[in-house]
Amino acid sequence: MNKQMIRVLLFDFARVLLFPKDNNYSGKLNDLYKAVKDNNSFDFESNFHFNEELLEYLRNIKGEFRLVMFTSENIQEDPVVKEKLNGIFEEVISAKELFLSKSDPKVYGLITSKLGCSADEILFVDDSKENIRSAVSVGINTHLFSNTHD
């Protein structure tokens, strides 16, 4: 990967920028969100926590790259999330709205068209090996996220 070529940093949301408070929860964050959001006593920050270190880093490099979030569903529509991410990402792309899965290589072709750039100008950061493989298959640079200090 040639760092000079990268123009777009494409970030997964769940388990890269947002995590469940319960470290033992291994399901999808959108499923957890759907299960708890309609509870009258729902408090977003009692169920989830943000990757503050990475978000701060992204705020600091905002002018150097186009920052785009790529998510599976719609947890990012929660008011707490919108406020937290306000001003960081120029665009949020939802696989659900594109009617494709993040594991489908076709979705990455749509993203390059939507962003008006070539695949090799994108660095995609995700915690899913399957999604990473799909992005690589169309020529996108990738990083498999395991922790903020990777």
N, C-alpha and C. Protein backbone atom coordinates (compact mmCIF):
# COMPACT_ATOMS: atom_id res chain seq x y z
N MET A 1 0.85 -1.19 0.00
CA MET A 1 0.00 0.00 0.00
C MET A 1 0.89 1.24 0.00
N ASN A 2 0.68 2.10 -0.94
CA ASN A 2 1.41 3.36 -1.03
C ASN A 2 0.62 4.44 -0.32
N LYS A 3 1.14 4.90 0.79
CA LYS A 3 0.43 5.87 1.62
C LYS A 3 0.11 7.16 0.85
N GLN A 4 0.96 7.52 -0.11
CA GLN A 4 0.74 8.74 -0.88
C GLN A 4 -0.52 8.65 -1.74
N MET A 5 -0.91 7.46 -2.12
CA MET A 5 -2.06 7.28 -3.00
C MET A 5 -3.39 7.35 -2.25
N ILE A 6 -3.38 7.11 -0.97
CA ILE A 6 -4.63 7.04 -0.20
C ILE A 6 -5.24 8.43 -0.07
N ARG A 7 -6.48 8.55 -0.51
CA ARG A 7 -7.23 9.80 -0.39
C ARG A 7 -8.42 9.66 0.54
N VAL A 8 -8.94 8.42 0.66
CA VAL A 8 -10.16 8.19 1.43
C VAL A 8 -9.89 7.15 2.51
N LEU A 9 -10.25 7.48 3.74
CA LEU A 9 -10.23 6.51 4.84
C LEU A 9 -11.68 6.11 5.08
N LEU A 10 -11.96 4.85 4.85
CA LEU A 10 -13.31 4.29 4.96
C LEU A 10 -13.36 3.43 6.21
N PHE A 11 -14.16 3.84 7.19
CA PHE A 11 -14.19 3.16 8.48
C PHE A 11 -15.50 2.44 8.72
N ASP A 12 -15.37 1.19 9.14
CA ASP A 12 -16.49 0.45 9.69
C ASP A 12 -16.88 1.15 10.99
N PHE A 13 -18.12 0.98 11.43
CA PHE A 13 -18.58 1.62 12.66
C PHE A 13 -18.53 0.67 13.85
N ALA A 14 -19.30 -0.42 13.76
CA ALA A 14 -19.41 -1.35 14.89
C ALA A 14 -18.11 -2.10 15.11
N ARG A 15 -17.64 -2.06 16.34
CA ARG A 15 -16.42 -2.74 16.80
C ARG A 15 -15.13 -2.16 16.21
N VAL A 16 -15.25 -0.96 15.64
CA VAL A 16 -14.08 -0.16 15.28
C VAL A 16 -14.21 1.20 15.97
N LEU A 17 -15.36 1.84 15.79
CA LEU A 17 -15.62 3.13 16.41
C LEU A 17 -16.59 3.05 17.59
N LEU A 18 -17.34 1.97 17.67
CA LEU A 18 -18.33 1.79 18.74
C LEU A 18 -18.28 0.35 19.23
N PHE A 19 -18.36 0.19 20.55
CA PHE A 19 -18.29 -1.14 21.17
C PHE A 19 -19.40 -1.30 22.19
N PRO A 20 -19.79 -2.54 22.47
CA PRO A 20 -20.77 -2.75 23.55
C PRO A 20 -20.09 -2.56 24.90
N LYS A 21 -20.83 -2.04 25.87
CA LYS A 21 -20.27 -1.90 27.23
C LYS A 21 -19.97 -3.27 27.82
N ASP A 22 -20.81 -4.24 27.50
CA ASP A 22 -20.63 -5.61 27.98
C ASP A 22 -19.59 -6.30 27.10
N ASN A 23 -18.38 -6.47 27.62
CA ASN A 23 -17.30 -7.08 26.85
C ASN A 23 -17.59 -8.52 26.45
N ASN A 24 -18.55 -9.16 27.11
CA ASN A 24 -18.90 -10.54 26.79
C ASN A 24 -19.92 -10.64 25.65
N TYR A 25 -20.50 -9.50 25.27
CA TYR A 25 -21.49 -9.51 24.18
C TYR A 25 -20.76 -9.73 22.86
N SER A 26 -21.14 -10.79 22.15
CA SER A 26 -20.46 -11.12 20.90
C SER A 26 -21.36 -10.97 19.67
N GLY A 27 -22.59 -10.55 19.88
CA GLY A 27 -23.51 -10.39 18.76
C GLY A 27 -23.28 -9.10 18.00
N LYS A 28 -24.17 -8.84 17.06
CA LYS A 28 -24.08 -7.62 16.26
C LYS A 28 -24.58 -6.43 17.08
N LEU A 29 -23.90 -5.31 16.95
CA LEU A 29 -24.30 -4.12 17.71
C LEU A 29 -25.65 -3.60 17.27
N ASN A 30 -25.98 -3.73 16.00
CA ASN A 30 -27.31 -3.31 15.55
C ASN A 30 -28.40 -4.14 16.21
N ASP A 31 -28.15 -5.43 16.42
CA ASP A 31 -29.13 -6.28 17.10
C ASP A 31 -29.29 -5.86 18.56
N LEU A 32 -28.19 -5.56 19.22
CA LEU A 32 -28.25 -5.08 20.60
C LEU A 32 -29.00 -3.76 20.66
N TYR A 33 -28.69 -2.88 19.76
CA TYR A 33 -29.35 -1.57 19.72
C TYR A 33 -30.86 -1.73 19.54
N LYS A 34 -31.27 -2.58 18.60
CA LYS A 34 -32.70 -2.81 18.37
C LYS A 34 -33.38 -3.38 19.61
N ALA A 35 -32.66 -4.23 20.34
CA ALA A 35 -33.24 -4.88 21.52
C ALA A 35 -33.42 -3.92 22.69
N VAL A 36 -32.60 -2.88 22.78
CA VAL A 36 -32.65 -2.01 23.97
C VAL A 36 -33.19 -0.60 23.70
N LYS A 37 -33.21 -0.15 22.46
CA LYS A 37 -33.52 1.26 22.19
C LYS A 37 -34.95 1.68 22.54
N ASP A 38 -35.90 0.75 22.50
CA ASP A 38 -37.28 1.13 22.77
C ASP A 38 -37.66 1.03 24.25
N ASN A 39 -36.71 0.63 25.06
CA ASN A 39 -36.92 0.59 26.50
C ASN A 39 -37.02 2.03 27.01
N ASN A 40 -38.02 2.33 27.82
CA ASN A 40 -38.21 3.69 28.32
C ASN A 40 -37.00 4.24 29.06
N SER A 41 -36.24 3.37 29.68
CA SER A 41 -35.07 3.83 30.43
C SER A 41 -33.78 3.70 29.62
N PHE A 42 -33.90 3.57 28.29
CA PHE A 42 -32.72 3.40 27.44
C PHE A 42 -31.78 4.58 27.56
N ASP A 43 -30.53 4.27 27.82
CA ASP A 43 -29.46 5.25 27.84
C ASP A 43 -28.35 4.70 26.96
N PHE A 44 -28.09 5.36 25.86
CA PHE A 44 -27.13 4.86 24.88
C PHE A 44 -25.79 4.52 25.53
N GLU A 45 -25.29 5.42 26.33
CA GLU A 45 -23.95 5.25 26.90
C GLU A 45 -23.90 4.23 28.03
N SER A 46 -25.04 3.71 28.45
CA SER A 46 -25.05 2.60 29.40
C SER A 46 -24.87 1.26 28.68
N ASN A 47 -25.10 1.27 27.39
CA ASN A 47 -25.02 0.05 26.59
C ASN A 47 -23.84 0.01 25.62
N PHE A 48 -23.32 1.18 25.27
CA PHE A 48 -22.26 1.28 24.26
C PHE A 48 -21.20 2.27 24.70
N HIS A 49 -20.00 2.10 24.16
CA HIS A 49 -18.97 3.12 24.36
C HIS A 49 -18.22 3.34 23.05
N PHE A 50 -17.80 4.58 22.86
CA PHE A 50 -17.09 4.98 21.65
C PHE A 50 -15.59 4.75 21.80
N ASN A 51 -14.94 4.56 20.68
CA ASN A 51 -13.49 4.48 20.62
C ASN A 51 -12.98 5.93 20.59
N GLU A 52 -12.91 6.54 21.76
CA GLU A 52 -12.57 7.96 21.87
C GLU A 52 -11.19 8.26 21.30
N GLU A 53 -10.25 7.37 21.52
CA GLU A 53 -8.89 7.60 21.04
C GLU A 53 -8.86 7.67 19.50
N LEU A 54 -9.55 6.76 18.85
CA LEU A 54 -9.58 6.77 17.39
C LEU A 54 -10.37 7.96 16.87
N LEU A 55 -11.48 8.29 17.51
CA LEU A 55 -12.26 9.45 17.07
C LEU A 55 -11.44 10.74 17.18
N GLU A 56 -10.67 10.88 18.24
CA GLU A 56 -9.82 12.06 18.40
C GLU A 56 -8.76 12.10 17.30
N TYR A 57 -8.17 10.95 17.00
CA TYR A 57 -7.19 10.87 15.92
C TYR A 57 -7.82 11.31 14.59
N LEU A 58 -9.03 10.84 14.32
CA LEU A 58 -9.71 11.20 13.08
C LEU A 58 -10.01 12.69 13.02
N ARG A 59 -10.38 13.28 14.15
CA ARG A 59 -10.60 14.73 14.18
C ARG A 59 -9.31 15.47 13.78
N ASN A 60 -8.18 14.95 14.24
CA ASN A 60 -6.89 15.60 13.99
C ASN A 60 -6.41 15.45 12.55
N ILE A 61 -6.81 14.41 11.85
CA ILE A 61 -6.34 14.20 10.47
C ILE A 61 -7.40 14.54 9.43
N LYS A 62 -8.49 15.10 9.88
CA LYS A 62 -9.64 15.35 9.00
C LYS A 62 -9.27 16.09 7.71
N GLY A 63 -8.39 17.03 7.76
CA GLY A 63 -8.03 17.79 6.56
C GLY A 63 -7.10 17.05 5.61
N GLU A 64 -6.50 15.97 6.07
CA GLU A 64 -5.52 15.25 5.25
C GLU A 64 -6.16 14.18 4.36
N PHE A 65 -7.31 13.67 4.75
CA PHE A 65 -7.99 12.59 4.03
C PHE A 65 -9.49 12.87 4.01
N ARG A 66 -10.16 12.26 3.06
CA ARG A 66 -11.62 12.23 3.11
C ARG A 66 -11.98 11.12 4.08
N LEU A 67 -12.80 11.42 5.07
CA LEU A 67 -13.20 10.44 6.07
C LEU A 67 -14.64 10.03 5.81
N VAL A 68 -14.84 8.72 5.62
CA VAL A 68 -16.16 8.19 5.30
C VAL A 68 -16.42 7.00 6.21
N MET A 69 -17.64 6.92 6.73
CA MET A 69 -18.03 5.77 7.55
C MET A 69 -18.89 4.84 6.70
N PHE A 70 -18.62 3.55 6.83
CA PHE A 70 -19.37 2.52 6.10
C PHE A 70 -19.93 1.56 7.13
N THR A 71 -21.25 1.51 7.20
CA THR A 71 -21.91 0.73 8.23
C THR A 71 -22.91 -0.25 7.61
N SER A 72 -23.29 -1.24 8.39
CA SER A 72 -24.21 -2.26 7.90
C SER A 72 -25.66 -1.81 7.93
N GLU A 73 -26.04 -1.16 9.02
CA GLU A 73 -27.46 -0.82 9.17
C GLU A 73 -27.64 0.64 9.55
N ASN A 74 -28.25 0.91 10.72
CA ASN A 74 -28.59 2.31 11.00
C ASN A 74 -28.40 2.76 12.44
N ILE A 75 -27.59 2.09 13.22
CA ILE A 75 -27.33 2.53 14.59
C ILE A 75 -26.76 3.95 14.61
N GLN A 76 -26.09 4.34 13.53
CA GLN A 76 -25.49 5.67 13.45
C GLN A 76 -26.53 6.78 13.41
N GLU A 77 -27.80 6.43 13.26
CA GLU A 77 -28.87 7.43 13.25
C GLU A 77 -29.31 7.84 14.65
N ASP A 78 -28.84 7.13 15.67
CA ASP A 78 -29.18 7.50 17.04
C ASP A 78 -28.66 8.92 17.32
N PRO A 79 -29.45 9.75 18.00
CA PRO A 79 -29.03 11.13 18.28
C PRO A 79 -27.68 11.23 19.02
N VAL A 80 -27.41 10.32 19.92
CA VAL A 80 -26.13 10.34 20.65
C VAL A 80 -24.97 10.11 19.68
N VAL A 81 -25.15 9.18 18.77
CA VAL A 81 -24.11 8.88 17.78
C VAL A 81 -23.92 10.06 16.84
N LYS A 82 -25.02 10.62 16.36
CA LYS A 82 -24.93 11.76 15.45
C LYS A 82 -24.17 12.91 16.09
N GLU A 83 -24.47 13.18 17.35
CA GLU A 83 -23.78 14.26 18.05
C GLU A 83 -22.29 13.95 18.21
N LYS A 84 -21.97 12.73 18.57
CA LYS A 84 -20.57 12.34 18.79
C LYS A 84 -19.76 12.41 17.50
N LEU A 85 -20.36 12.03 16.39
CA LEU A 85 -19.64 11.97 15.12
C LEU A 85 -19.74 13.26 14.30
N ASN A 86 -20.51 14.21 14.79
CA ASN A 86 -20.74 15.46 14.07
C ASN A 86 -19.42 16.11 13.66
N GLY A 87 -19.29 16.37 12.39
CA GLY A 87 -18.11 17.07 11.89
C GLY A 87 -16.90 16.20 11.59
N ILE A 88 -16.97 14.91 11.87
CA ILE A 88 -15.81 14.04 11.60
C ILE A 88 -15.89 13.47 10.19
N PHE A 89 -17.00 12.83 9.86
CA PHE A 89 -17.13 12.14 8.58
C PHE A 89 -17.87 12.99 7.57
N GLU A 90 -17.35 13.03 6.36
CA GLU A 90 -18.02 13.79 5.31
C GLU A 90 -19.25 13.06 4.79
N GLU A 91 -19.25 11.74 4.98
CA GLU A 91 -20.36 10.94 4.47
C GLU A 91 -20.47 9.65 5.27
N VAL A 92 -21.71 9.17 5.38
CA VAL A 92 -21.97 7.87 5.99
C VAL A 92 -22.67 7.03 4.92
N ILE A 93 -22.10 5.88 4.63
CA ILE A 93 -22.68 4.97 3.64
C ILE A 93 -23.18 3.73 4.37
N SER A 94 -24.41 3.37 4.11
CA SER A 94 -25.02 2.20 4.73
C SER A 94 -25.20 1.09 3.70
N ALA A 95 -24.65 -0.07 3.98
CA ALA A 95 -24.82 -1.22 3.08
C ALA A 95 -26.30 -1.56 2.93
N LYS A 96 -27.05 -1.40 4.02
CA LYS A 96 -28.48 -1.69 3.99
C LYS A 96 -29.19 -0.81 2.96
N GLU A 97 -28.82 0.47 2.92
CA GLU A 97 -29.44 1.39 1.96
C GLU A 97 -29.04 1.08 0.53
N LEU A 98 -27.90 0.41 0.35
CA LEU A 98 -27.46 0.00 -0.99
C LEU A 98 -28.01 -1.38 -1.37
N PHE A 99 -28.74 -1.99 -0.44
CA PHE A 99 -29.35 -3.32 -0.63
C PHE A 99 -28.31 -4.40 -0.90
N LEU A 100 -27.14 -4.23 -0.28
CA LEU A 100 -26.07 -5.21 -0.39
C LEU A 100 -25.46 -5.45 0.98
N SER A 101 -24.77 -6.55 1.10
CA SER A 101 -24.05 -6.88 2.33
C SER A 101 -22.64 -6.32 2.23
N LYS A 102 -22.03 -6.03 3.38
CA LYS A 102 -20.64 -5.57 3.38
C LYS A 102 -19.69 -6.67 2.93
N SER A 103 -20.15 -7.90 2.91
CA SER A 103 -19.30 -9.00 2.44
C SER A 103 -19.41 -9.22 0.93
N ASP A 104 -20.27 -8.46 0.26
CA ASP A 104 -20.45 -8.59 -1.18
C ASP A 104 -19.49 -7.63 -1.89
N PRO A 105 -18.57 -8.13 -2.69
CA PRO A 105 -17.62 -7.25 -3.39
C PRO A 105 -18.28 -6.14 -4.21
N LYS A 106 -19.51 -6.37 -4.69
CA LYS A 106 -20.21 -5.36 -5.50
C LYS A 106 -20.40 -4.05 -4.73
N VAL A 107 -20.57 -4.15 -3.41
CA VAL A 107 -20.82 -2.94 -2.62
C VAL A 107 -19.61 -2.00 -2.67
N TYR A 108 -18.42 -2.56 -2.78
CA TYR A 108 -17.21 -1.73 -2.80
C TYR A 108 -17.05 -1.02 -4.14
N GLY A 109 -17.53 -1.64 -5.21
CA GLY A 109 -17.56 -0.97 -6.51
C GLY A 109 -18.51 0.22 -6.48
N LEU A 110 -19.66 0.04 -5.82
CA LEU A 110 -20.61 1.15 -5.68
C LEU A 110 -20.01 2.28 -4.86
N ILE A 111 -19.26 1.93 -3.83
CA ILE A 111 -18.64 2.95 -2.98
C ILE A 111 -17.63 3.77 -3.77
N THR A 112 -16.79 3.11 -4.56
CA THR A 112 -15.80 3.87 -5.34
C THR A 112 -16.51 4.82 -6.31
N SER A 113 -17.58 4.37 -6.93
CA SER A 113 -18.35 5.24 -7.83
C SER A 113 -18.96 6.41 -7.07
N LYS A 114 -19.56 6.10 -5.94
CA LYS A 114 -20.21 7.13 -5.13
C LYS A 114 -19.21 8.19 -4.66
N LEU A 115 -18.00 7.74 -4.31
CA LEU A 115 -16.99 8.67 -3.80
C LEU A 115 -16.16 9.31 -4.92
N GLY A 116 -16.31 8.81 -6.14
CA GLY A 116 -15.59 9.39 -7.26
C GLY A 116 -14.09 9.17 -7.19
N CYS A 117 -13.69 7.99 -6.77
CA CYS A 117 -12.26 7.69 -6.68
C CYS A 117 -12.03 6.24 -7.10
N SER A 118 -10.76 5.91 -7.29
CA SER A 118 -10.45 4.53 -7.65
C SER A 118 -10.25 3.70 -6.39
N ALA A 119 -10.36 2.41 -6.53
CA ALA A 119 -10.26 1.50 -5.39
C ALA A 119 -8.93 1.66 -4.66
N ASP A 120 -7.84 1.87 -5.40
CA ASP A 120 -6.53 1.95 -4.75
C ASP A 120 -6.30 3.26 -4.00
N GLU A 121 -7.27 4.18 -4.07
CA GLU A 121 -7.18 5.43 -3.31
C GLU A 121 -7.89 5.33 -1.96
N ILE A 122 -8.44 4.16 -1.66
CA ILE A 122 -9.21 3.95 -0.43
C ILE A 122 -8.45 3.02 0.51
N LEU A 123 -8.47 3.37 1.79
CA LEU A 123 -8.02 2.45 2.85
C LEU A 123 -9.26 2.15 3.68
N PHE A 124 -9.66 0.89 3.71
CA PHE A 124 -10.84 0.44 4.44
C PHE A 124 -10.41 -0.24 5.72
N VAL A 125 -10.95 0.23 6.84
CA VAL A 125 -10.64 -0.32 8.16
C VAL A 125 -11.89 -1.01 8.69
N ASP A 126 -11.79 -2.32 8.93
CA ASP A 126 -12.94 -3.11 9.38
C ASP A 126 -12.43 -4.21 10.30
N ASP A 127 -13.31 -4.72 11.15
CA ASP A 127 -12.94 -5.80 12.06
C ASP A 127 -13.33 -7.17 11.52
N SER A 128 -13.93 -7.24 10.35
CA SER A 128 -14.40 -8.50 9.77
C SER A 128 -13.46 -8.96 8.65
N LYS A 129 -12.91 -10.15 8.81
CA LYS A 129 -12.04 -10.71 7.77
C LYS A 129 -12.80 -10.88 6.46
N GLU A 130 -14.06 -11.27 6.55
CA GLU A 130 -14.87 -11.48 5.35
C GLU A 130 -15.05 -10.17 4.57
N ASN A 131 -15.35 -9.08 5.28
CA ASN A 131 -15.51 -7.78 4.63
C ASN A 131 -14.18 -7.32 4.03
N ILE A 132 -13.11 -7.54 4.75
CA ILE A 132 -11.77 -7.17 4.27
C ILE A 132 -11.46 -7.93 2.97
N ARG A 133 -11.73 -9.22 2.95
CA ARG A 133 -11.48 -10.02 1.74
C ARG A 133 -12.26 -9.48 0.54
N SER A 134 -13.51 -9.11 0.77
CA SER A 134 -14.33 -8.58 -0.32
C SER A 134 -13.78 -7.26 -0.85
N ALA A 135 -13.34 -6.40 0.05
CA ALA A 135 -12.77 -5.12 -0.37
C ALA A 135 -11.46 -5.33 -1.14
N VAL A 136 -10.62 -6.23 -0.65
CA VAL A 136 -9.36 -6.54 -1.33
C VAL A 136 -9.62 -7.07 -2.73
N SER A 137 -10.68 -7.85 -2.90
CA SER A 137 -10.97 -8.46 -4.20
C SER A 137 -11.25 -7.44 -5.30
N VAL A 138 -11.60 -6.21 -4.91
CA VAL A 138 -11.83 -5.16 -5.91
C VAL A 138 -10.71 -4.13 -5.93
N GLY A 139 -9.64 -4.40 -5.19
CA GLY A 139 -8.46 -3.52 -5.23
C GLY A 139 -8.37 -2.46 -4.16
N ILE A 140 -9.24 -2.52 -3.16
CA ILE A 140 -9.19 -1.55 -2.07
C ILE A 140 -8.12 -1.97 -1.07
N ASN A 141 -7.35 -0.99 -0.59
CA ASN A 141 -6.38 -1.23 0.48
C ASN A 141 -7.16 -1.45 1.77
N THR A 142 -6.69 -2.33 2.62
CA THR A 142 -7.45 -2.65 3.83
C THR A 142 -6.56 -2.75 5.05
N HIS A 143 -7.20 -2.64 6.20
CA HIS A 143 -6.56 -2.89 7.48
C HIS A 143 -7.57 -3.61 8.36
N LEU A 144 -7.21 -4.80 8.83
CA LEU A 144 -8.08 -5.55 9.73
C LEU A 144 -7.89 -5.00 11.14
N PHE A 145 -8.94 -4.37 11.66
CA PHE A 145 -8.87 -3.72 12.97
C PHE A 145 -9.00 -4.75 14.07
N SER A 146 -8.08 -4.69 15.02
CA SER A 146 -8.22 -5.50 16.23
C SER A 146 -8.14 -4.64 17.47
N ASN A 147 -7.39 -3.54 17.39
CA ASN A 147 -7.38 -2.56 18.48
C ASN A 147 -6.85 -1.24 17.94
N THR A 148 -7.03 -0.19 18.71
CA THR A 148 -6.69 1.16 18.26
C THR A 148 -5.21 1.32 17.96
N HIS A 149 -4.38 0.52 18.57
CA HIS A 149 -2.93 0.71 18.42
C HIS A 149 -2.33 -0.11 17.30
N ASP A 150 -3.17 -0.69 16.43
CA ASP A 150 -2.66 -1.46 15.27
C ASP A 150 -1.87 -0.56 14.34
